[in-house]
Amino acid sequence: MSSSASSPPPPPPPDFPASDRAALPAGWRDSLVRLGADGAMMASIEAAAADHAGPAVPGRVARAEHSLVTVLTPAGPVRAGLTRREQACAGDYVLLSAAEPVVAEVLPRRSHLVRHAAGNRTEPQTLAANMDEVFVTVAADRGVSLGRIERFLALVWESGTIPVVVLTKGDLLAPGAATPLLTRAAGVAPGADVHLVSAITGEGVGDLARRLEPGRTAALIGSSGAGKSSLLNALAGAEVAATTRVRDADGKGRHKTAWRELVVLDQGGAVIDTPGLRGLGMWLDETGLDTAFADLTELALGCRFSDCRHATEPGCAVTAAIEAGTFEARRLESYRKLEREAAYVARKADPRARRAQARAEHAITREGAARARHRPRSS
């Protein structure tokens, strides 16, 4: 069995010590540990409550919808309003005003998973907050895209959490296909564990469940049809998320999960379920990208030039490794693609960077025109 937030009844009023003006309700520590809070987060909650004028109710956001959030509290789920200055997403820890169901403060996040918002807007979209690990789910029974795994891993490393690659639907693999697939996935995931699981047979689910315990949180991300909802149900030991059949024609699924939601597992730990991501725009700096491509970063230390682009420069350790067959040219191209995309988004988000890029491109154009004017004409 598991607990989640859906149409919660009004909880009873919290039990505050009468003598403490900035008190937290009785038993709040045990409740917050069950919701995924560790010692550092509980210390932050205590410090924030001490600065709060009057009793406060701590809790964790299970679901956020525009100006309303569902908050899991020691007394039960509460629907609370958000002020204009506060923004929250699934996984955030908050303080509620004891006088009315309003979020008084969103506590600083220890980690947050961010992507470039869908559409034409140049702004970040936070998918989940305060995770210890992120399970990157990939359907093993279809053609596994190594480039897409690398894209997910770059964003997860950027979030300040540890990625775990989870190859789902292992029961649908042909005999003998598991080991080569695990080897390929591990090759693009330096520093991350790789698991093969099946929600149908239970294979590998226990290994993931052992990563979750009271005080720990994992987020599930992946493409539509990757089996996130089935995996969540297997981890919970009950149907807490609806599932839908994947289309046979292209292996894609419908967005059965329509929102990001935190689910608390009865056996301990919390999981943040997210809708299937058909688009995953980059919103990162060099940290996440370099960590996701740590093998490339390490190779590049051996290049003769510190600004080597791994193209035609002499003494390039990366191109030498590609020629020797110890590093994939595909992986270098994947890095370059993500690097270009991240730089493009950064320029769009920063007007100063956009103007600097425009000036640089204009200077290149002027220089090219000047060379053309002074080039000797052929007779």
Protein backbone atom coordinates (compact mmCIF):
# COMPACT_ATOMS: atom_id res chain seq x y z
CA MET A 1 0.00 0.00 0.00
CA SER A 2 1.03 3.60 -0.57
CA SER A 3 -0.33 7.02 0.13
CA SER A 4 -0.69 9.91 -2.29
CA ALA A 5 -2.66 13.14 -2.45
CA SER A 6 -6.03 13.08 -4.22
CA SER A 7 -9.17 14.91 -2.99
CA PRO A 8 -7.98 15.03 0.62
CA PRO A 9 -10.57 15.62 3.36
CA PRO A 10 -10.01 18.58 5.70
CA PRO A 11 -7.54 17.45 8.38
CA PRO A 12 -8.09 18.03 12.08
CA PRO A 13 -6.41 21.12 13.49
CA PRO A 14 -2.74 20.54 14.38
CA ASP A 15 -1.77 20.02 18.00
CA PHE A 16 0.58 22.84 19.04
CA PRO A 17 2.27 23.26 22.43
CA ALA A 18 0.38 26.14 24.01
CA SER A 19 3.47 27.85 25.42
CA ASP A 20 5.49 28.12 22.21
CA ARG A 21 4.53 31.05 19.94
CA ALA A 22 6.52 29.72 16.98
CA ALA A 23 5.80 26.05 17.66
CA LEU A 24 5.67 23.16 15.25
CA PRO A 25 2.94 20.54 15.75
CA ALA A 26 3.59 17.53 17.93
CA GLY A 27 5.08 14.53 16.13
CA TRP A 28 6.16 16.56 13.11
CA ARG A 29 9.62 14.99 12.95
CA ASP A 30 8.39 11.41 12.48
CA SER A 31 5.93 12.62 9.87
CA LEU A 32 8.53 14.56 7.88
CA VAL A 33 11.01 11.66 7.93
CA ARG A 34 8.31 9.47 6.41
CA LEU A 35 7.78 12.15 3.74
CA GLY A 36 11.47 12.05 2.82
CA ALA A 37 13.09 14.74 4.99
CA ASP A 38 16.62 14.14 6.28
CA GLY A 39 18.31 15.71 9.28
CA ALA A 40 19.53 18.76 7.35
CA MET A 41 16.06 19.51 5.99
CA MET A 42 14.47 19.19 9.44
CA ALA A 43 17.03 21.64 10.80
CA SER A 44 16.04 24.06 8.01
CA ILE A 45 12.37 23.61 8.90
CA GLU A 46 13.06 24.36 12.56
CA ALA A 47 15.06 27.47 11.68
CA ALA A 48 12.35 28.74 9.34
CA ALA A 49 9.63 28.08 11.93
CA ALA A 50 11.62 30.01 14.55
CA ASP A 51 11.48 33.09 12.29
CA HIS A 52 7.78 32.63 11.57
CA ALA A 53 5.31 34.89 13.38
CA GLY A 54 3.07 32.37 15.10
CA PRO A 55 2.55 28.61 14.87
CA ALA A 56 3.45 27.00 11.55
CA VAL A 57 2.61 23.67 9.96
CA PRO A 58 5.46 21.92 8.10
CA GLY A 59 4.71 19.76 5.12
CA ARG A 60 5.78 18.59 1.69
CA VAL A 61 4.14 19.45 -1.61
CA ALA A 62 2.61 16.38 -3.24
CA ARG A 63 1.11 18.22 -6.21
CA ALA A 64 1.21 21.79 -7.51
CA GLU A 65 -1.45 23.28 -9.75
CA HIS A 66 -1.03 26.97 -10.61
CA SER A 67 -1.99 28.85 -7.44
CA LEU A 68 -2.95 25.79 -5.37
CA VAL A 69 -0.84 23.00 -3.89
CA THR A 70 -1.65 19.77 -2.10
CA VAL A 71 0.59 19.56 0.96
CA LEU A 72 1.17 16.42 3.04
CA THR A 73 1.31 17.50 6.71
CA PRO A 74 1.50 15.69 10.08
CA ALA A 75 -2.30 16.07 10.32
CA GLY A 76 -2.99 14.87 6.77
CA PRO A 77 -3.22 16.33 3.24
CA VAL A 78 -4.13 20.03 2.97
CA ARG A 79 -5.10 22.09 -0.08
CA ALA A 80 -3.30 25.40 0.33
CA GLY A 81 -3.01 28.60 -1.66
CA LEU A 82 0.19 30.11 -3.03
CA THR A 83 0.98 33.78 -2.81
CA ARG A 84 2.40 35.59 -5.84
CA ARG A 85 5.88 35.63 -4.37
CA GLU A 86 5.97 31.88 -3.69
CA GLN A 87 6.37 29.18 -6.32
CA ALA A 88 6.30 25.49 -5.50
CA CYS A 89 6.50 22.13 -7.22
CA ALA A 90 6.21 18.48 -6.21
CA GLY A 91 8.82 17.66 -3.59
CA ASP A 92 9.13 21.14 -2.07
CA TYR A 93 9.11 21.47 1.72
CA VAL A 94 6.90 24.29 2.95
CA LEU A 95 5.58 25.99 6.04
CA LEU A 96 1.85 26.63 6.16
CA SER A 97 0.23 29.31 8.26
CA ALA A 98 -1.65 27.64 11.11
CA ALA A 99 -4.35 30.31 10.86
CA GLU A 100 -5.31 29.63 7.23
CA PRO A 101 -4.38 27.16 4.46
CA VAL A 102 -1.76 29.35 2.76
CA VAL A 103 1.89 28.60 2.02
CA ALA A 104 3.86 30.98 4.22
CA GLU A 105 7.30 29.90 3.00
CA VAL A 106 8.90 27.50 0.53
CA LEU A 107 12.14 26.21 2.03
CA PRO A 108 15.39 26.35 0.02
CA ARG A 109 15.79 23.30 -2.20
CA ARG A 110 18.70 20.94 -1.75
CA SER A 111 18.26 19.77 -5.35
CA HIS A 112 15.91 20.47 -8.24
CA LEU A 113 15.44 18.95 -11.67
CA VAL A 114 15.02 21.64 -14.33
CA ARG A 115 14.44 21.58 -18.07
CA HIS A 116 13.84 24.23 -20.70
CA ALA A 117 10.09 24.90 -20.71
CA ALA A 118 8.16 23.49 -23.66
CA GLY A 119 7.11 25.90 -26.40
CA ASN A 120 8.71 29.16 -27.48
CA ARG A 121 9.26 30.57 -24.00
CA THR A 122 12.86 30.82 -22.84
CA GLU A 123 12.46 29.96 -19.20
CA PRO A 124 13.17 27.06 -16.87
CA GLN A 125 10.55 24.55 -15.73
CA THR A 126 11.19 22.74 -12.46
CA LEU A 127 10.04 19.13 -12.68
CA ALA A 128 10.76 17.99 -9.12
CA ALA A 129 12.57 19.18 -6.00
CA ASN A 130 14.54 17.75 -3.09
CA MET A 131 15.40 14.36 -4.56
CA ASP A 132 18.31 12.16 -3.52
CA GLU A 133 18.28 10.17 -6.75
CA VAL A 134 16.56 10.30 -10.13
CA PHE A 135 15.54 7.06 -11.84
CA VAL A 136 15.98 7.62 -15.58
CA THR A 137 13.55 5.08 -17.02
CA VAL A 138 14.12 3.68 -20.51
CA ALA A 139 12.05 0.96 -22.18
CA ALA A 140 14.43 -1.91 -22.93
CA ASP A 141 12.14 -3.65 -25.42
CA ARG A 142 12.36 -0.90 -28.04
CA GLY A 143 15.35 0.63 -29.76
CA VAL A 144 17.25 2.25 -26.89
CA SER A 145 18.50 5.73 -27.77
CA LEU A 146 21.89 6.26 -26.15
CA GLY A 147 21.73 9.95 -27.07
CA ARG A 148 18.48 10.37 -25.17
CA ILE A 149 19.96 8.66 -22.12
CA GLU A 150 22.89 11.08 -22.28
CA ARG A 151 20.45 14.01 -22.49
CA PHE A 152 18.58 12.85 -19.39
CA LEU A 153 21.81 12.23 -17.49
CA ALA A 154 23.16 15.72 -18.20
CA LEU A 155 20.05 17.31 -16.69
CA VAL A 156 20.07 14.98 -13.67
CA TRP A 157 23.73 15.64 -12.86
CA GLU A 158 22.99 19.37 -13.18
CA SER A 159 20.19 19.01 -10.62
CA GLY A 160 22.58 18.12 -7.81
CA THR A 161 21.31 14.55 -7.50
CA ILE A 162 22.58 11.11 -8.52
CA PRO A 163 21.11 9.47 -11.63
CA VAL A 164 20.20 5.79 -11.82
CA VAL A 165 19.52 4.36 -15.29
CA VAL A 166 16.57 1.95 -15.11
CA LEU A 167 15.96 -0.24 -18.16
CA THR A 168 12.32 -1.30 -17.84
CA LYS A 169 10.30 -4.12 -19.44
CA GLY A 170 13.16 -6.58 -19.12
CA ASP A 171 10.70 -9.46 -19.47
CA LEU A 172 10.16 -8.50 -23.14
CA LEU A 173 13.83 -8.85 -24.11
CA ALA A 174 14.95 -11.70 -26.33
CA PRO A 175 17.11 -14.36 -24.66
CA GLY A 176 20.72 -13.20 -24.40
CA ALA A 177 19.90 -9.54 -25.10
CA ALA A 178 20.15 -8.28 -21.51
CA THR A 179 23.92 -8.32 -21.03
CA PRO A 180 24.83 -6.42 -24.23
CA LEU A 181 22.13 -3.84 -23.48
CA LEU A 182 23.39 -3.29 -19.93
CA THR A 183 26.93 -2.90 -21.27
CA ARG A 184 25.85 -0.30 -23.85
CA ALA A 185 23.86 1.68 -21.28
CA ALA A 186 26.70 1.60 -18.74
CA GLY A 187 29.04 2.90 -21.43
CA VAL A 188 27.14 6.20 -21.66
CA ALA A 189 26.48 6.55 -17.93
CA PRO A 190 29.82 7.05 -16.12
CA GLY A 191 29.27 7.38 -12.39
CA ALA A 192 25.69 6.06 -12.52
CA ASP A 193 24.30 2.63 -11.67
CA VAL A 194 22.34 0.78 -14.35
CA HIS A 195 19.51 -1.63 -13.51
CA LEU A 196 17.38 -3.93 -15.65
CA VAL A 197 13.90 -4.41 -14.18
CA SER A 198 10.50 -5.87 -14.97
CA ALA A 199 7.34 -4.64 -13.28
CA ILE A 200 5.63 -7.85 -14.49
CA THR A 201 8.03 -10.45 -13.08
CA GLY A 202 9.48 -8.29 -10.31
CA GLU A 203 13.03 -8.76 -11.62
CA GLY A 204 15.33 -6.03 -10.28
CA VAL A 205 12.54 -4.14 -8.48
CA GLY A 206 13.89 -5.17 -5.07
CA ASP A 207 17.28 -3.64 -5.88
CA LEU A 208 15.60 -0.28 -6.59
CA ALA A 209 13.35 -0.54 -3.54
CA ARG A 210 16.41 -0.91 -1.32
CA ARG A 211 17.59 2.49 -2.51
CA LEU A 212 14.47 4.00 -0.92
CA GLU A 213 14.01 4.28 2.82
CA PRO A 214 12.55 6.82 5.26
CA GLY A 215 14.33 10.12 4.71
CA ARG A 216 15.08 9.46 1.03
CA THR A 217 13.33 10.50 -2.20
CA ALA A 218 13.66 9.41 -5.82
CA ALA A 219 12.12 11.02 -8.89
CA LEU A 220 11.00 9.08 -11.96
CA ILE A 221 11.64 10.63 -15.37
CA GLY A 222 11.55 9.20 -18.87
CA SER A 223 9.83 9.30 -22.23
CA SER A 224 6.17 8.44 -22.73
CA GLY A 225 5.71 4.69 -22.65
CA ALA A 226 8.92 4.05 -20.68
CA GLY A 227 7.01 2.25 -17.93
CA LYS A 228 7.33 4.80 -15.12
CA SER A 229 3.82 4.23 -13.77
CA SER A 230 4.19 0.44 -13.82
CA LEU A 231 7.53 0.77 -12.05
CA LEU A 232 5.99 3.02 -9.39
CA ASN A 233 3.21 0.49 -8.80
CA ALA A 234 5.80 -2.28 -8.47
CA LEU A 235 7.82 -0.24 -5.95
CA ALA A 236 4.67 0.60 -3.97
CA GLY A 237 3.28 -2.92 -4.04
CA ALA A 238 -0.11 -1.49 -5.06
CA GLU A 239 -1.69 0.35 -7.97
CA VAL A 240 -1.06 3.98 -7.08
CA ALA A 241 -0.59 5.15 -10.69
CA ALA A 242 -2.79 4.41 -13.70
CA THR A 243 -1.14 2.73 -16.67
CA THR A 244 -1.95 2.59 -20.37
CA ARG A 245 -0.95 0.38 -23.28
CA VAL A 246 1.93 1.49 -25.49
CA ARG A 247 1.22 1.84 -29.22
CA ASP A 248 2.66 -1.09 -31.17
CA ALA A 249 3.38 1.08 -34.22
CA ASP A 250 5.97 3.40 -32.68
CA GLY A 251 6.44 2.26 -29.09
CA LYS A 252 5.11 5.54 -27.71
CA GLY A 253 2.62 5.89 -24.89
CA ARG A 254 0.01 8.44 -23.94
CA HIS A 255 0.60 10.84 -21.05
CA LYS A 256 -1.28 8.71 -18.50
CA THR A 257 0.42 10.64 -15.68
CA ALA A 258 -0.96 14.14 -16.16
CA TRP A 259 0.93 15.94 -13.41
CA ARG A 260 3.97 15.68 -11.17
CA GLU A 261 3.07 14.04 -7.89
CA LEU A 262 4.88 12.85 -4.79
CA VAL A 263 3.87 9.43 -3.52
CA VAL A 264 4.88 8.17 -0.07
CA LEU A 265 5.60 4.45 0.08
CA ASP A 266 4.34 2.52 3.09
CA GLN A 267 7.60 0.59 3.39
CA GLY A 268 9.57 3.85 3.48
CA GLY A 269 10.80 6.46 1.05
CA ALA A 270 9.03 8.80 -1.34
CA VAL A 271 8.83 8.84 -5.13
CA ILE A 272 8.03 11.82 -7.37
CA ASP A 273 6.24 10.63 -10.49
CA THR A 274 6.40 12.85 -13.58
CA PRO A 275 4.55 12.80 -16.92
CA GLY A 276 6.28 11.28 -19.92
CA LEU A 277 8.68 13.76 -21.51
CA ARG A 278 8.52 13.86 -25.29
CA GLY A 279 10.65 17.00 -25.37
CA LEU A 280 13.55 17.55 -23.02
CA GLY A 281 15.14 20.94 -23.63
CA MET A 282 18.51 21.69 -22.10
CA TRP A 283 18.72 24.09 -19.16
CA LEU A 284 22.20 23.66 -17.74
CA ASP A 285 25.74 24.94 -17.56
CA GLU A 286 28.97 23.03 -18.04
CA THR A 287 28.68 21.17 -14.72
CA GLY A 288 25.96 18.72 -15.71
CA LEU A 289 27.31 18.22 -19.21
CA ASP A 290 30.89 17.60 -18.10
CA THR A 291 29.77 15.16 -15.40
CA ALA A 292 27.53 13.23 -17.80
CA PHE A 293 30.49 13.01 -20.19
CA ALA A 294 33.14 12.48 -17.51
CA ASP A 295 35.00 10.00 -19.73
CA LEU A 296 35.31 12.63 -22.48
CA THR A 297 36.31 15.31 -19.96
CA GLU A 298 39.05 13.06 -18.60
CA LEU A 299 40.33 12.24 -22.08
CA ALA A 300 40.44 15.95 -22.97
CA LEU A 301 42.93 16.57 -20.14
CA GLY A 302 45.49 14.80 -22.29
CA CYS A 303 45.05 17.13 -25.27
CA ARG A 304 48.02 19.31 -26.19
CA PHE A 305 45.89 22.49 -26.20
CA SER A 306 43.60 23.43 -23.34
CA ASP A 307 41.03 24.89 -25.78
CA CYS A 308 41.12 21.88 -28.10
CA ARG A 309 37.85 21.35 -29.99
CA HIS A 310 38.73 17.72 -30.79
CA ALA A 311 38.59 18.28 -34.53
CA THR A 312 41.83 18.77 -36.49
CA GLU A 313 44.10 20.04 -33.73
CA PRO A 314 47.45 18.24 -33.39
CA GLY A 315 47.98 16.30 -30.19
CA CYS A 316 44.26 15.74 -29.55
CA ALA A 317 43.80 12.87 -27.10
CA VAL A 318 40.10 12.52 -27.97
CA THR A 319 40.52 12.04 -31.72
CA ALA A 320 43.42 9.67 -30.99
CA ALA A 321 41.12 7.57 -28.78
CA ILE A 322 38.46 7.54 -31.50
CA GLU A 323 40.99 6.38 -34.08
CA ALA A 324 42.19 3.68 -31.66
CA GLY A 325 38.62 2.49 -31.12
CA THR A 326 38.60 3.18 -27.37
CA PHE A 327 36.12 6.07 -27.57
CA GLU A 328 33.02 6.44 -29.74
CA ALA A 329 32.78 9.23 -32.30
CA ARG A 330 29.01 9.12 -31.72
CA ARG A 331 29.53 10.11 -28.09
CA LEU A 332 31.65 13.12 -29.05
CA GLU A 333 28.96 14.26 -31.48
CA SER A 334 26.31 13.81 -28.78
CA TYR A 335 28.33 16.03 -26.44
CA ARG A 336 28.71 18.70 -29.11
CA LYS A 337 25.00 18.65 -29.86
CA LEU A 338 24.02 19.13 -26.21
CA GLU A 339 26.72 21.77 -25.76
CA ARG A 340 25.39 23.78 -28.71
CA GLU A 341 21.81 23.50 -27.48
CA ALA A 342 22.70 24.56 -23.93
CA ALA A 343 24.70 27.53 -25.24
CA TYR A 344 21.81 28.59 -27.50
CA VAL A 345 19.33 28.50 -24.62
CA ALA A 346 21.76 30.42 -22.39
CA ARG A 347 22.09 33.17 -24.99
CA LYS A 348 18.32 33.44 -25.35
CA ALA A 349 17.88 33.62 -21.60
CA ASP A 350 20.61 36.24 -21.08
CA PRO A 351 20.19 39.45 -23.13
CA ARG A 352 23.84 40.41 -22.56
CA ALA A 353 25.06 37.07 -23.89
CA ARG A 354 22.70 37.44 -26.86
CA ARG A 355 24.09 40.89 -27.68
CA ALA A 356 27.67 39.65 -27.32
CA GLN A 357 26.94 36.76 -29.70
CA ALA A 358 25.36 39.15 -32.20
CA ARG A 359 28.43 41.43 -32.03
CA ALA A 360 30.74 38.45 -32.53
CA GLU A 361 28.78 37.23 -35.53
CA HIS A 362 28.68 40.76 -36.96
CA ALA A 363 32.45 41.07 -36.55
CA ILE A 364 32.97 37.75 -38.36
CA THR A 365 30.73 38.97 -41.18
CA ARG A 366 32.67 42.27 -41.47
CA GLU A 367 35.98 40.44 -41.45
CA GLY A 368 34.81 38.08 -44.18
CA ALA A 369 33.55 40.98 -46.30
CA ALA A 370 36.88 42.82 -45.88
CA ARG A 371 38.82 39.76 -46.98
CA ALA A 372 36.57 39.41 -50.02
CA ARG A 373 37.16 43.06 -51.01
CA HIS A 374 40.94 42.70 -50.81
CA ARG A 375 41.15 39.26 -52.39
CA PRO A 376 43.07 39.41 -55.69
CA ARG A 377 40.80 38.97 -58.65
CA SER A 378 41.54 36.14 -61.02
CA SER A 379 42.34 37.20 -64.54
